[in-house]
Amino acid sequence: MSAIIASTVGVKTMADDTLRLTIDIDPRYAGEAFALFGKRGSACAIARLTNEAAVEEMRDESHDEQPVEKKGGELAKLAGIFCNSPDFLGWLGCDTPDEARAQIINDCDIDSRRDLDHYETAAKKFHHLYREPYVAYMKKRGVAA
């Protein structure tokens, strides 16, 4: 098992002189940390690393990491559904789902629809430029989008 990278963000002495440490876990280790410590009362041991040791640990692990492929979530799915809808294509003025996809990617400044679920700015653009106006358009037509 490798180290879980974390940093202390709070130190507090409780009324009974118990020392309470609050730590933030590096997001890369969140799943592993939750599996180990996700229940109250989980036993653990802590050790302070020097800055040099922490840097070395991170350097060692970076050689082992494989790039993580982003997966599309709810917004990517919704964009895909929209792009394949004849009503959406007509509203957008596109002839094909590929044209609609390309327009969303261009307007939201992303490389793929799955980026909508990973970049807040892109998600906001999608909502503002596509989801909200299209849903309003469909409601005016008396159709649920």
Protein backbone atom coordinates (compact mmCIF):
# COMPACT_ATOMS: atom_id res chain seq x y z
CA MET A 1 0.00 0.00 0.00
CA SER A 2 1.29 3.44 -0.88
CA ALA A 3 0.91 6.54 1.23
CA ILE A 4 -2.25 8.61 1.08
CA ILE A 5 -1.19 12.19 0.52
CA ALA A 6 -2.92 14.63 2.89
CA SER A 7 -2.24 17.87 4.71
CA THR A 8 -3.27 19.21 8.09
CA VAL A 9 -5.83 22.00 7.90
CA GLY A 10 -6.88 22.23 11.53
CA VAL A 11 -5.57 21.41 14.99
CA LYS A 12 -7.81 21.78 18.04
CA THR A 13 -7.66 20.76 21.70
CA MET A 14 -10.97 19.40 22.94
CA ALA A 15 -12.39 19.94 26.47
CA ASP A 16 -10.96 16.59 27.62
CA ASP A 17 -7.50 17.46 26.19
CA THR A 18 -8.02 15.21 23.16
CA LEU A 19 -6.16 16.62 20.18
CA ARG A 20 -8.37 16.82 17.08
CA LEU A 21 -6.60 16.98 13.72
CA THR A 22 -8.48 17.89 10.57
CA ILE A 23 -6.84 16.81 7.35
CA ASP A 24 -7.58 17.24 3.66
CA ILE A 25 -6.97 14.21 1.44
CA ASP A 26 -5.51 14.74 -2.03
CA PRO A 27 -8.38 13.97 -4.46
CA ARG A 28 -6.31 11.26 -6.15
CA TYR A 29 -6.52 9.24 -2.91
CA ALA A 30 -10.12 10.05 -1.91
CA GLY A 31 -11.52 6.63 -2.84
CA GLU A 32 -8.80 4.75 -1.03
CA ALA A 33 -9.10 7.00 2.03
CA PHE A 34 -12.87 6.61 2.11
CA ALA A 35 -12.55 2.83 1.89
CA LEU A 36 -10.12 2.83 4.80
CA PHE A 37 -11.60 5.54 7.01
CA GLY A 38 -15.20 5.97 5.83
CA LYS A 39 -16.64 4.84 9.15
CA ARG A 40 -16.44 6.74 12.40
CA GLY A 41 -13.98 5.16 14.82
CA SER A 42 -11.73 3.56 12.18
CA ALA A 43 -8.31 2.97 13.68
CA CYS A 44 -5.41 4.69 11.98
CA ALA A 45 -1.82 5.74 12.45
CA ILE A 46 -0.37 9.06 11.36
CA ALA A 47 3.14 10.18 10.57
CA ARG A 48 4.45 13.60 9.68
CA LEU A 49 6.46 13.70 6.49
CA THR A 50 9.11 16.25 5.86
CA ASN A 51 8.48 18.35 2.79
CA GLU A 52 11.32 16.53 1.06
CA ALA A 53 9.78 13.12 1.81
CA ALA A 54 6.36 14.26 0.59
CA VAL A 55 7.83 15.57 -2.66
CA GLU A 56 9.74 12.33 -3.16
CA GLU A 57 6.61 10.23 -2.52
CA MET A 58 4.65 12.27 -5.05
CA ARG A 59 7.51 11.98 -7.56
CA ASP A 60 7.62 8.19 -7.14
CA GLU A 61 3.87 7.83 -7.59
CA SER A 62 3.73 10.07 -10.64
CA HIS A 63 5.79 7.50 -12.53
CA ASP A 64 3.21 4.81 -11.77
CA GLU A 65 0.13 6.80 -12.73
CA GLN A 66 -1.76 6.15 -15.90
CA PRO A 67 -3.74 8.99 -17.44
CA VAL A 68 -7.33 8.88 -16.25
CA GLU A 69 -9.85 9.00 -19.05
CA LYS A 70 -12.70 11.37 -18.30
CA LYS A 71 -16.10 9.79 -18.48
CA GLY A 72 -19.24 11.56 -19.48
CA GLY A 73 -21.90 12.08 -16.86
CA GLU A 74 -25.40 13.46 -16.87
CA LEU A 75 -24.68 16.59 -18.94
CA ALA A 76 -22.82 14.63 -21.61
CA LYS A 77 -25.75 12.22 -21.82
CA LEU A 78 -28.23 15.08 -22.03
CA ALA A 79 -26.21 16.78 -24.77
CA GLY A 80 -26.16 13.48 -26.67
CA ILE A 81 -29.92 13.10 -26.31
CA PHE A 82 -30.44 16.68 -27.47
CA CYS A 83 -28.14 16.24 -30.48
CA ASN A 84 -30.11 13.18 -31.60
CA SER A 85 -33.49 14.87 -31.22
CA PRO A 86 -35.10 16.13 -34.45
CA ASP A 87 -36.76 18.94 -32.41
CA PHE A 88 -33.40 20.08 -31.05
CA LEU A 89 -31.79 19.91 -34.48
CA GLY A 90 -34.59 22.04 -35.90
CA TRP A 91 -34.38 24.55 -33.04
CA LEU A 92 -30.61 24.76 -33.45
CA GLY A 93 -30.77 24.96 -37.24
CA CYS A 94 -28.56 21.90 -37.76
CA ASP A 95 -29.13 19.08 -40.22
CA THR A 96 -27.28 16.30 -38.41
CA PRO A 97 -26.40 15.23 -34.87
CA ASP A 98 -22.71 15.69 -35.76
CA GLU A 99 -23.33 19.35 -36.66
CA ALA A 100 -25.16 19.91 -33.35
CA ARG A 101 -22.37 18.17 -31.44
CA ALA A 102 -19.74 20.32 -33.17
CA GLN A 103 -21.68 23.50 -32.36
CA ILE A 104 -21.99 22.62 -28.66
CA ILE A 105 -18.29 21.71 -28.48
CA ASN A 106 -17.34 24.97 -30.17
CA ASP A 107 -19.66 27.22 -28.16
CA CYS A 108 -18.77 25.61 -24.82
CA ASP A 109 -15.04 25.65 -25.66
CA ILE A 110 -14.51 21.94 -24.98
CA ASP A 111 -12.98 18.96 -26.77
CA SER A 112 -15.81 16.51 -26.15
CA ARG A 113 -19.32 16.50 -24.68
CA ARG A 114 -17.97 14.55 -21.70
CA ASP A 115 -16.05 17.71 -20.72
CA LEU A 116 -19.39 19.27 -19.79
CA ASP A 117 -19.30 17.15 -16.63
CA HIS A 118 -15.74 18.14 -15.73
CA TYR A 119 -15.52 21.89 -16.34
CA GLU A 120 -17.87 24.23 -14.49
CA THR A 121 -17.54 27.03 -17.06
CA ALA A 122 -18.47 24.66 -19.88
CA ALA A 123 -21.46 23.36 -17.92
CA LYS A 124 -22.67 26.91 -17.30
CA LYS A 125 -22.33 27.74 -21.01
CA PHE A 126 -24.25 24.59 -21.95
CA HIS A 127 -27.08 25.47 -19.54
CA HIS A 128 -27.20 29.11 -20.66
CA LEU A 129 -26.83 28.58 -24.41
CA TYR A 130 -28.66 25.30 -24.91
CA ARG A 131 -30.52 23.63 -22.05
CA GLU A 132 -32.47 26.61 -20.70
CA PRO A 133 -33.46 28.14 -24.06
CA TYR A 134 -34.34 24.77 -25.61
CA VAL A 135 -36.48 23.72 -22.65
CA ALA A 136 -38.25 27.11 -22.77
CA TYR A 137 -38.81 26.67 -26.53
CA MET A 138 -40.28 23.20 -26.03
CA LYS A 139 -42.55 24.42 -23.22
CA LYS A 140 -43.92 27.16 -25.50
CA ARG A 141 -44.71 24.44 -28.01
CA GLY A 142 -46.46 22.43 -25.28
CA VAL A 143 -43.92 19.62 -25.41
CA ALA A 144 -41.84 18.39 -22.46
CA ALA A 145 -38.13 18.43 -23.29
